Protein backbone atom coordinates (compact mmCIF):
# COMPACT_ATOMS: atom_id res chain seq x y z
CA UNK A 1 132.71 -96.90 93.23
CA UNK A 2 132.42 -94.80 89.59
CA UNK A 3 130.03 -92.32 89.21
CA UNK A 4 127.34 -93.07 87.24
CA UNK A 5 127.89 -90.91 83.65
CA UNK A 6 124.53 -89.99 81.76
CA UNK A 7 124.51 -92.20 78.34
CA UNK A 8 121.35 -91.64 76.22
CA UNK A 9 120.87 -94.57 74.14
CA UNK A 10 123.00 -94.24 70.77
CA UNK A 11 119.79 -94.11 68.90
CA UNK A 12 118.75 -90.68 70.39
CA UNK A 13 121.93 -89.07 68.76
CA UNK A 14 123.16 -90.79 66.03
CA UNK A 15 120.02 -91.03 63.84
CA UNK A 16 119.65 -88.85 60.45
CA UNK A 17 117.40 -86.51 62.22
CA UNK A 18 120.19 -85.50 64.77
CA UNK A 19 121.11 -81.85 64.49
CA UNK A 20 124.98 -80.90 64.33
CA UNK A 21 124.50 -79.13 67.29
CA UNK A 22 122.77 -81.70 69.12
CA UNK A 23 125.42 -84.16 68.07
CA UNK A 24 128.57 -81.69 68.81
CA UNK A 25 126.95 -81.72 72.49
CA UNK A 26 126.49 -85.00 73.13
CA UNK A 27 129.93 -85.30 71.54
CA UNK A 28 131.25 -83.01 74.82
CA UNK A 29 129.62 -84.52 77.14
CA UNK A 30 131.54 -88.23 76.06
CA UNK A 31 134.70 -86.59 76.03
CA UNK A 32 134.01 -84.90 79.29
CA UNK A 33 133.19 -88.50 80.62
CA UNK A 34 136.11 -90.35 79.31
CA UNK A 35 138.31 -87.58 80.34
CA UNK A 36 136.95 -87.83 83.99
CA UNK A 37 138.65 -91.66 83.71
CA UNK A 38 135.63 -92.82 85.64
CA UNK A 39 133.55 -94.74 83.46
CA UNK A 40 133.40 -98.63 83.13
CA UNK A 41 135.64 -100.01 80.32
CA UNK A 42 132.42 -101.71 79.17
CA UNK A 43 130.64 -98.26 79.10
CA UNK A 44 133.81 -96.49 77.82
CA UNK A 45 134.06 -98.58 74.65
CA UNK A 46 130.01 -98.20 74.11
CA UNK A 47 130.85 -94.20 74.50
CA UNK A 48 133.46 -94.51 71.91
CA UNK A 49 131.41 -96.11 69.48
CA UNK A 50 128.75 -93.82 69.93
CA UNK A 51 131.52 -91.05 69.37
CA UNK A 52 132.63 -92.19 66.13
CA UNK A 53 128.90 -92.58 64.90
CA UNK A 54 128.77 -88.94 65.91
CA UNK A 55 131.84 -87.66 64.46
CA UNK A 56 130.74 -89.41 60.80
CA UNK A 57 127.03 -87.46 61.12
CA UNK A 58 128.89 -84.52 61.88
CA UNK A 59 131.20 -84.62 58.90
CA UNK A 60 128.43 -85.32 57.12
CA UNK A 61 125.98 -82.27 57.94
CA UNK A 62 129.47 -80.12 57.37
CA UNK A 63 130.04 -81.66 54.11
CA UNK A 64 126.49 -80.89 52.75
CA UNK A 65 126.51 -77.59 54.39
CA UNK A 66 129.78 -76.78 52.34
CA UNK A 67 128.07 -78.25 48.94
CA UNK A 68 125.37 -75.70 49.19
CA UNK A 69 127.22 -72.99 49.81
CA UNK A 70 129.54 -73.63 46.70
CA UNK A 71 126.29 -73.82 44.76
CA UNK A 72 125.51 -70.40 45.64
CA UNK A 73 125.73 -68.56 42.28
CA UNK A 74 125.96 -64.60 42.31
CA UNK A 75 123.62 -63.11 39.89
CA UNK A 76 123.83 -60.04 37.67
CA UNK A 77 122.00 -57.65 40.20
CA UNK A 78 124.67 -59.04 43.17
CA UNK A 79 122.35 -61.38 44.54
CA UNK A 80 122.98 -64.91 45.41
CA UNK A 81 120.75 -67.69 44.52
CA UNK A 82 120.93 -71.43 45.42
CA UNK A 83 121.82 -73.85 43.00
CA UNK A 84 121.26 -77.85 43.12
CA UNK A 85 123.57 -79.75 43.29
CA UNK A 86 123.62 -83.60 42.46
CA UNK A 87 122.56 -85.74 45.40
CA UNK A 88 120.30 -83.27 46.83
CA UNK A 89 116.57 -82.49 45.89
CA UNK A 90 115.82 -78.45 45.47
CA UNK A 91 113.09 -77.87 47.66
CA UNK A 92 109.80 -76.63 45.56
CA UNK A 93 108.83 -73.07 45.12
CA UNK A 94 105.78 -71.68 47.00
């Protein structure tokens, strides 16, 4: 009998609010379960689909972070300031 694998619902780990770290941790869990080879085929397919959504989410988060870093502009005094780029709303000043 195959051992039970901890599988959280995909909606909990693939939503827009999911942090990069949470998505990566879930991906690691999915890969470990797949590598163990004791996941039933139906569960394996479900986990694979969840994994592909998580990869897309992580790539999106990394791309956003990369764009933010690229937008840092050096000031005359050597300090850096963020400069908004298209598609991202600048935070309001307090």
